[in-house]
Amino acid sequence: MTTHTDRRYADALAAHKTGNLDAAAQLCGEILQSTPEHADTMHLFGIIAGQTGNWQAAT
């Protein structure tokens, strides 16, 4: 069964894969607001932060 969070994470991952880092980061932030323990989203958010030079957020 796919949850709403899983669908939103898939959207964030797709945005990241197409290079739309702003949209991916926005989606990750929204997911983490409601589900802060979502490990895949935390990981993707850290990757995006590193790619955009936001080293403080990446840690």
N, C-alpha and C. Protein backbone atom coordinates (compact mmCIF):
# COMPACT_ATOMS: atom_id res chain seq x y z
N MET A 1 0.84 -1.17 0.00
CA MET A 1 0.00 0.00 0.00
C MET A 1 0.90 1.25 0.00
N THR A 2 0.59 2.16 -0.87
CA THR A 2 1.36 3.40 -0.97
C THR A 2 0.67 4.49 -0.17
N THR A 3 1.44 5.15 0.66
CA THR A 3 0.89 6.23 1.48
C THR A 3 1.06 7.57 0.78
N HIS A 4 0.36 8.56 1.30
CA HIS A 4 0.48 9.92 0.78
C HIS A 4 1.93 10.39 0.86
N THR A 5 2.60 10.09 1.95
CA THR A 5 4.00 10.48 2.12
C THR A 5 4.87 9.80 1.06
N ASP A 6 4.62 8.53 0.80
CA ASP A 6 5.40 7.81 -0.22
C ASP A 6 5.22 8.44 -1.60
N ARG A 7 4.00 8.84 -1.93
CA ARG A 7 3.74 9.47 -3.22
C ARG A 7 4.45 10.82 -3.31
N ARG A 8 4.41 11.57 -2.23
CA ARG A 8 5.09 12.88 -2.23
C ARG A 8 6.61 12.70 -2.31
N TYR A 9 7.12 11.67 -1.63
CA TYR A 9 8.55 11.39 -1.73
C TYR A 9 8.92 11.03 -3.17
N ALA A 10 8.09 10.23 -3.82
CA ALA A 10 8.34 9.87 -5.22
C ALA A 10 8.36 11.12 -6.10
N ASP A 11 7.48 12.07 -5.82
CA ASP A 11 7.47 13.34 -6.56
C ASP A 11 8.76 14.12 -6.32
N ALA A 12 9.22 14.14 -5.07
CA ALA A 12 10.46 14.84 -4.74
C ALA A 12 11.64 14.18 -5.44
N LEU A 13 11.67 12.88 -5.44
CA LEU A 13 12.75 12.15 -6.09
C LEU A 13 12.74 12.40 -7.60
N ALA A 14 11.56 12.41 -8.20
CA ALA A 14 11.45 12.69 -9.64
C ALA A 14 11.92 14.10 -9.95
N ALA A 15 11.55 15.07 -9.12
CA ALA A 15 12.00 16.45 -9.32
C ALA A 15 13.52 16.52 -9.23
N HIS A 16 14.10 15.82 -8.28
CA HIS A 16 15.55 15.80 -8.12
C HIS A 16 16.21 15.19 -9.35
N LYS A 17 15.67 14.09 -9.82
CA LYS A 17 16.27 13.40 -10.97
C LYS A 17 16.24 14.24 -12.23
N THR A 18 15.26 15.14 -12.34
CA THR A 18 15.19 16.01 -13.52
C THR A 18 15.93 17.32 -13.32
N GLY A 19 16.56 17.48 -12.15
CA GLY A 19 17.35 18.66 -11.89
C GLY A 19 16.58 19.82 -11.29
N ASN A 20 15.33 19.61 -10.95
CA ASN A 20 14.52 20.67 -10.34
C ASN A 20 14.74 20.62 -8.83
N LEU A 21 15.89 21.11 -8.41
CA LEU A 21 16.30 21.02 -7.01
C LEU A 21 15.43 21.86 -6.09
N ASP A 22 14.97 23.02 -6.57
CA ASP A 22 14.11 23.86 -5.73
C ASP A 22 12.81 23.14 -5.39
N ALA A 23 12.19 22.54 -6.40
CA ALA A 23 10.93 21.82 -6.16
C ALA A 23 11.16 20.61 -5.27
N ALA A 24 12.24 19.90 -5.51
CA ALA A 24 12.55 18.72 -4.70
C ALA A 24 12.77 19.11 -3.24
N ALA A 25 13.52 20.18 -3.02
CA ALA A 25 13.77 20.64 -1.65
C ALA A 25 12.48 21.09 -0.98
N GLN A 26 11.63 21.78 -1.73
CA GLN A 26 10.35 22.22 -1.18
C GLN A 26 9.50 21.02 -0.76
N LEU A 27 9.42 20.02 -1.61
CA LEU A 27 8.65 18.82 -1.27
C LEU A 27 9.25 18.10 -0.07
N CYS A 28 10.57 17.99 -0.02
CA CYS A 28 11.21 17.35 1.12
C CYS A 28 10.88 18.09 2.41
N GLY A 29 10.96 19.40 2.36
CA GLY A 29 10.64 20.20 3.54
C GLY A 29 9.21 19.97 4.01
N GLU A 30 8.28 19.90 3.06
CA GLU A 30 6.88 19.66 3.41
C GLU A 30 6.69 18.27 4.01
N ILE A 31 7.35 17.29 3.44
CA ILE A 31 7.24 15.92 3.97
C ILE A 31 7.79 15.88 5.40
N LEU A 32 8.95 16.49 5.59
CA LEU A 32 9.58 16.44 6.91
C LEU A 32 8.81 17.22 7.97
N GLN A 33 8.00 18.18 7.55
CA GLN A 33 7.14 18.88 8.51
C GLN A 33 6.12 17.92 9.11
N SER A 34 5.56 17.06 8.27
CA SER A 34 4.52 16.15 8.75
C SER A 34 5.06 14.80 9.20
N THR A 35 6.20 14.39 8.64
CA THR A 35 6.77 13.08 8.96
C THR A 35 8.27 13.23 9.14
N PRO A 36 8.71 13.82 10.26
CA PRO A 36 10.13 14.13 10.43
C PRO A 36 11.05 12.91 10.49
N GLU A 37 10.50 11.74 10.72
CA GLU A 37 11.34 10.54 10.82
C GLU A 37 11.48 9.81 9.48
N HIS A 38 10.98 10.38 8.39
CA HIS A 38 11.04 9.71 7.08
C HIS A 38 12.49 9.73 6.58
N ALA A 39 13.17 8.61 6.76
CA ALA A 39 14.61 8.52 6.51
C ALA A 39 14.99 8.81 5.06
N ASP A 40 14.23 8.30 4.10
CA ASP A 40 14.56 8.54 2.70
C ASP A 40 14.50 10.03 2.37
N THR A 41 13.51 10.72 2.93
CA THR A 41 13.38 12.15 2.69
C THR A 41 14.52 12.91 3.34
N MET A 42 14.90 12.53 4.54
CA MET A 42 16.04 13.18 5.19
C MET A 42 17.30 13.02 4.34
N HIS A 43 17.49 11.83 3.80
CA HIS A 43 18.66 11.56 2.98
C HIS A 43 18.63 12.42 1.71
N LEU A 44 17.51 12.43 1.01
CA LEU A 44 17.40 13.22 -0.21
C LEU A 44 17.59 14.71 0.08
N PHE A 45 17.00 15.18 1.17
CA PHE A 45 17.14 16.58 1.54
C PHE A 45 18.62 16.93 1.79
N GLY A 46 19.34 16.03 2.43
CA GLY A 46 20.77 16.23 2.66
C GLY A 46 21.56 16.27 1.36
N ILE A 47 21.21 15.41 0.43
CA ILE A 47 21.88 15.41 -0.87
C ILE A 47 21.65 16.74 -1.59
N ILE A 48 20.39 17.18 -1.60
CA ILE A 48 20.05 18.44 -2.26
C ILE A 48 20.78 19.61 -1.59
N ALA A 49 20.82 19.60 -0.28
CA ALA A 49 21.51 20.67 0.45
C ALA A 49 22.99 20.70 0.05
N GLY A 50 23.60 19.55 -0.04
CA GLY A 50 25.00 19.49 -0.46
C GLY A 50 25.20 19.96 -1.89
N GLN A 51 24.29 19.57 -2.77
CA GLN A 51 24.40 19.98 -4.17
C GLN A 51 24.23 21.48 -4.37
N THR A 52 23.49 22.10 -3.47
CA THR A 52 23.26 23.54 -3.60
C THR A 52 24.19 24.35 -2.70
N GLY A 53 25.13 23.67 -2.03
CA GLY A 53 26.11 24.36 -1.21
C GLY A 53 25.58 24.80 0.15
N ASN A 54 24.45 24.28 0.54
CA ASN A 54 23.87 24.61 1.85
C ASN A 54 24.40 23.59 2.86
N TRP A 55 25.66 23.73 3.20
CA TRP A 55 26.34 22.73 4.01
C TRP A 55 25.76 22.63 5.41
N GLN A 56 25.28 23.71 5.96
CA GLN A 56 24.70 23.67 7.31
C GLN A 56 23.45 22.78 7.31
N ALA A 57 22.60 22.90 6.31
CA ALA A 57 21.40 22.07 6.24
C ALA A 57 21.74 20.63 5.90
N ALA A 58 22.87 20.42 5.26
CA ALA A 58 23.25 19.07 4.82
C ALA A 58 23.69 18.19 5.99
N THR A 59 24.02 18.79 7.11
CA THR A 59 24.51 17.99 8.24
C THR A 59 23.42 17.64 9.21
